[in-house]
Amino acid sequence: MKIKKIADSFELPKDIVLGIPIVTCYGSDQMTIENHKGILEFNDKYINVRALDCTIKITGRNLEIKEFAKDIIIISGCLESIHYEI
């Protein structure tokens, strides 16, 4: 990919240049996903989030979407697993 080589050459942050998702977990009860492309489906046991080149699948109990904005999703509940499906 040309853009990836340019980002590497100039040491630019890949998350910004390439739009790759940033997933941050805070213990086992809260997480954020930045650079998402939308929510595909959700309920209190799973949430599927579309990212640039994959789907991020979160499973757990009592899952809630605390915040949903253009660039970030905040999820809370008892997080059990995070799976990336390409």
N, C-alpha and C. Protein backbone atom coordinates (compact mmCIF):
# COMPACT_ATOMS: atom_id res chain seq x y z
N MET A 1 0.83 -1.18 0.00
CA MET A 1 0.00 0.00 0.00
C MET A 1 0.87 1.24 0.00
N LYS A 2 0.60 2.16 -0.90
CA LYS A 2 1.40 3.38 -0.99
C LYS A 2 1.26 4.24 0.26
N ILE A 3 0.04 4.38 0.74
CA ILE A 3 -0.20 5.25 1.90
C ILE A 3 0.54 4.73 3.12
N LYS A 4 0.57 3.41 3.31
CA LYS A 4 1.28 2.82 4.45
C LYS A 4 2.77 3.13 4.37
N LYS A 5 3.35 3.04 3.19
CA LYS A 5 4.78 3.35 3.02
C LYS A 5 5.06 4.82 3.31
N ILE A 6 4.17 5.69 2.87
CA ILE A 6 4.34 7.12 3.15
C ILE A 6 4.24 7.38 4.64
N ALA A 7 3.26 6.76 5.30
CA ALA A 7 3.11 6.93 6.76
C ALA A 7 4.36 6.45 7.48
N ASP A 8 4.91 5.31 7.04
CA ASP A 8 6.14 4.79 7.64
C ASP A 8 7.32 5.73 7.39
N SER A 9 7.45 6.23 6.17
CA SER A 9 8.57 7.10 5.80
C SER A 9 8.61 8.37 6.64
N PHE A 10 7.45 8.97 6.81
CA PHE A 10 7.38 10.22 7.54
C PHE A 10 7.06 10.04 9.01
N GLU A 11 6.98 8.77 9.45
CA GLU A 11 6.67 8.43 10.83
C GLU A 11 5.37 9.09 11.30
N LEU A 12 4.36 9.04 10.42
CA LEU A 12 3.05 9.58 10.75
C LEU A 12 2.25 8.53 11.52
N PRO A 13 1.34 8.95 12.39
CA PRO A 13 0.53 7.98 13.14
C PRO A 13 -0.39 7.20 12.20
N LYS A 14 -0.26 5.88 12.21
CA LYS A 14 -1.01 5.04 11.29
C LYS A 14 -2.51 5.08 11.55
N ASP A 15 -2.91 5.25 12.82
CA ASP A 15 -4.34 5.28 13.11
C ASP A 15 -5.01 6.47 12.42
N ILE A 16 -4.33 7.58 12.31
CA ILE A 16 -4.91 8.76 11.68
C ILE A 16 -4.82 8.65 10.16
N VAL A 17 -3.65 8.30 9.65
CA VAL A 17 -3.44 8.26 8.20
C VAL A 17 -4.23 7.12 7.55
N LEU A 18 -4.20 5.94 8.14
CA LEU A 18 -4.84 4.77 7.54
C LEU A 18 -6.26 4.53 8.04
N GLY A 19 -6.64 5.19 9.12
CA GLY A 19 -7.99 5.01 9.66
C GLY A 19 -8.19 3.69 10.37
N ILE A 20 -7.10 3.08 10.86
CA ILE A 20 -7.25 1.80 11.56
C ILE A 20 -7.88 2.02 12.93
N PRO A 21 -8.63 1.04 13.41
CA PRO A 21 -9.31 1.22 14.70
C PRO A 21 -8.34 1.15 15.88
N ILE A 22 -8.66 1.90 16.91
CA ILE A 22 -7.93 1.84 18.17
C ILE A 22 -8.91 1.31 19.21
N VAL A 23 -8.59 0.15 19.78
CA VAL A 23 -9.45 -0.47 20.78
C VAL A 23 -8.72 -0.37 22.12
N THR A 24 -9.37 0.24 23.10
CA THR A 24 -8.78 0.40 24.42
C THR A 24 -9.73 -0.19 25.45
N CYS A 25 -9.22 -1.10 26.27
CA CYS A 25 -10.01 -1.70 27.34
C CYS A 25 -9.59 -1.13 28.67
N TYR A 26 -10.56 -0.87 29.51
CA TYR A 26 -10.33 -0.39 30.87
C TYR A 26 -10.83 -1.47 31.81
N GLY A 27 -9.94 -2.39 32.14
CA GLY A 27 -10.34 -3.54 32.94
C GLY A 27 -11.24 -4.42 32.11
N SER A 28 -12.21 -5.06 32.76
CA SER A 28 -13.12 -5.93 32.03
C SER A 28 -14.55 -5.37 32.01
N ASP A 29 -14.67 -4.04 32.27
CA ASP A 29 -16.02 -3.49 32.30
C ASP A 29 -16.24 -2.27 31.41
N GLN A 30 -15.22 -1.82 30.69
CA GLN A 30 -15.43 -0.70 29.77
C GLN A 30 -14.38 -0.72 28.68
N MET A 31 -14.77 -0.28 27.47
CA MET A 31 -13.84 -0.20 26.36
C MET A 31 -14.25 0.95 25.44
N THR A 32 -13.28 1.43 24.66
CA THR A 32 -13.57 2.42 23.63
C THR A 32 -13.05 1.88 22.30
N ILE A 33 -13.74 2.24 21.25
CA ILE A 33 -13.30 1.92 19.90
C ILE A 33 -13.29 3.22 19.13
N GLU A 34 -12.10 3.63 18.68
CA GLU A 34 -11.96 4.84 17.89
C GLU A 34 -11.79 4.45 16.42
N ASN A 35 -12.13 5.35 15.54
CA ASN A 35 -12.03 5.14 14.08
C ASN A 35 -12.93 4.01 13.59
N HIS A 36 -14.11 3.86 14.18
CA HIS A 36 -15.05 2.83 13.75
C HIS A 36 -15.80 3.30 12.50
N LYS A 37 -16.49 2.38 11.88
CA LYS A 37 -17.29 2.68 10.68
C LYS A 37 -18.77 2.39 10.92
N GLY A 38 -19.15 2.19 12.17
CA GLY A 38 -20.55 1.98 12.50
C GLY A 38 -20.80 0.69 13.25
N ILE A 39 -22.01 0.57 13.78
CA ILE A 39 -22.42 -0.62 14.52
C ILE A 39 -23.25 -1.48 13.58
N LEU A 40 -22.89 -2.75 13.47
CA LEU A 40 -23.61 -3.68 12.61
C LEU A 40 -24.81 -4.28 13.32
N GLU A 41 -24.62 -4.72 14.57
CA GLU A 41 -25.72 -5.26 15.37
C GLU A 41 -25.31 -5.25 16.83
N PHE A 42 -26.32 -5.22 17.69
CA PHE A 42 -26.01 -5.22 19.13
C PHE A 42 -27.21 -5.68 19.94
N ASN A 43 -26.90 -6.23 21.09
CA ASN A 43 -27.87 -6.49 22.15
C ASN A 43 -27.08 -6.54 23.45
N ASP A 44 -27.65 -7.03 24.53
CA ASP A 44 -26.94 -6.99 25.81
C ASP A 44 -25.89 -8.09 25.95
N LYS A 45 -25.79 -9.01 24.94
CA LYS A 45 -24.79 -10.09 25.00
C LYS A 45 -23.68 -9.95 23.97
N TYR A 46 -23.90 -9.19 22.89
CA TYR A 46 -22.83 -8.99 21.90
C TYR A 46 -23.04 -7.68 21.15
N ILE A 47 -21.93 -7.14 20.68
CA ILE A 47 -21.94 -5.93 19.86
C ILE A 47 -20.95 -6.16 18.72
N ASN A 48 -21.40 -5.97 17.48
CA ASN A 48 -20.53 -6.09 16.32
C ASN A 48 -20.32 -4.71 15.71
N VAL A 49 -19.05 -4.32 15.62
CA VAL A 49 -18.69 -2.99 15.14
C VAL A 49 -17.89 -3.13 13.85
N ARG A 50 -18.27 -2.37 12.85
CA ARG A 50 -17.53 -2.38 11.59
C ARG A 50 -16.32 -1.47 11.71
N ALA A 51 -15.18 -1.96 11.24
CA ALA A 51 -13.95 -1.17 11.20
C ALA A 51 -13.49 -1.13 9.74
N LEU A 52 -12.35 -0.53 9.49
CA LEU A 52 -11.87 -0.34 8.12
C LEU A 52 -11.77 -1.65 7.36
N ASP A 53 -11.09 -2.64 7.91
CA ASP A 53 -10.86 -3.90 7.18
C ASP A 53 -11.26 -5.13 7.97
N CYS A 54 -12.11 -4.94 9.00
CA CYS A 54 -12.53 -6.08 9.81
C CYS A 54 -13.81 -5.74 10.56
N THR A 55 -14.35 -6.76 11.21
CA THR A 55 -15.46 -6.57 12.14
C THR A 55 -14.95 -6.89 13.53
N ILE A 56 -15.23 -6.02 14.48
CA ILE A 56 -14.82 -6.24 15.86
C ILE A 56 -16.04 -6.76 16.60
N LYS A 57 -15.93 -7.98 17.14
CA LYS A 57 -17.05 -8.62 17.83
C LYS A 57 -16.76 -8.66 19.33
N ILE A 58 -17.62 -8.03 20.09
CA ILE A 58 -17.47 -7.98 21.55
C ILE A 58 -18.59 -8.82 22.14
N THR A 59 -18.24 -9.74 23.04
CA THR A 59 -19.25 -10.52 23.73
C THR A 59 -19.13 -10.27 25.23
N GLY A 60 -20.23 -10.46 25.93
CA GLY A 60 -20.22 -10.25 27.37
C GLY A 60 -21.62 -10.32 27.93
N ARG A 61 -21.79 -9.69 29.08
CA ARG A 61 -23.09 -9.64 29.76
C ARG A 61 -23.42 -8.19 30.09
N ASN A 62 -24.69 -7.87 30.00
CA ASN A 62 -25.17 -6.51 30.32
C ASN A 62 -24.43 -5.43 29.53
N LEU A 63 -24.14 -5.70 28.27
CA LEU A 63 -23.42 -4.73 27.44
C LEU A 63 -24.32 -3.55 27.10
N GLU A 64 -23.74 -2.37 27.16
CA GLU A 64 -24.44 -1.13 26.83
C GLU A 64 -23.54 -0.25 26.01
N ILE A 65 -24.12 0.49 25.10
CA ILE A 65 -23.38 1.52 24.37
C ILE A 65 -23.60 2.82 25.12
N LYS A 66 -22.57 3.26 25.82
CA LYS A 66 -22.67 4.46 26.65
C LYS A 66 -22.58 5.73 25.81
N GLU A 67 -21.73 5.68 24.76
CA GLU A 67 -21.59 6.85 23.88
C GLU A 67 -21.35 6.36 22.47
N PHE A 68 -21.99 7.01 21.52
CA PHE A 68 -21.80 6.70 20.11
C PHE A 68 -21.64 8.01 19.37
N ALA A 69 -20.47 8.21 18.80
CA ALA A 69 -20.20 9.42 18.02
C ALA A 69 -19.50 9.01 16.73
N LYS A 70 -19.28 9.97 15.88
CA LYS A 70 -18.66 9.70 14.58
C LYS A 70 -17.32 8.99 14.71
N ASP A 71 -16.55 9.35 15.71
CA ASP A 71 -15.19 8.81 15.81
C ASP A 71 -14.94 7.89 17.00
N ILE A 72 -15.93 7.71 17.89
CA ILE A 72 -15.69 6.87 19.07
C ILE A 72 -16.98 6.19 19.54
N ILE A 73 -16.79 4.97 20.05
CA ILE A 73 -17.88 4.24 20.71
C ILE A 73 -17.36 3.86 22.10
N ILE A 74 -18.18 4.08 23.12
CA ILE A 74 -17.83 3.64 24.47
C ILE A 74 -18.82 2.56 24.87
N ILE A 75 -18.29 1.41 25.24
CA ILE A 75 -19.10 0.24 25.60
C ILE A 75 -18.82 -0.11 27.05
N SER A 76 -19.87 -0.41 27.80
CA SER A 76 -19.67 -0.87 29.18
C SER A 76 -20.47 -2.14 29.42
N GLY A 77 -20.13 -2.82 30.49
CA GLY A 77 -20.75 -4.09 30.85
C GLY A 77 -19.66 -5.07 31.24
N CYS A 78 -20.01 -6.31 31.37
CA CYS A 78 -19.02 -7.35 31.70
C CYS A 78 -18.46 -7.90 30.39
N LEU A 79 -17.28 -7.40 29.99
CA LEU A 79 -16.65 -7.79 28.73
C LEU A 79 -16.02 -9.17 28.88
N GLU A 80 -16.37 -10.09 27.99
CA GLU A 80 -15.82 -11.45 28.06
C GLU A 80 -14.84 -11.74 26.94
N SER A 81 -15.10 -11.24 25.73
CA SER A 81 -14.16 -11.48 24.64
C SER A 81 -14.24 -10.40 23.58
N ILE A 82 -13.13 -10.22 22.88
CA ILE A 82 -13.04 -9.31 21.74
C ILE A 82 -12.41 -10.10 20.62
N HIS A 83 -13.10 -10.15 19.50
CA HIS A 83 -12.63 -10.98 18.38
C HIS A 83 -12.63 -10.11 17.11
N TYR A 84 -11.54 -10.21 16.35
CA TYR A 84 -11.43 -9.49 15.09
C TYR A 84 -11.69 -10.48 13.95
N GLU A 85 -12.68 -10.19 13.13
CA GLU A 85 -13.01 -11.05 12.02
C GLU A 85 -12.70 -10.31 10.71
N ILE A 86 -11.80 -10.90 9.94
CA ILE A 86 -11.38 -10.25 8.69
C ILE A 86 -12.20 -10.77 7.53
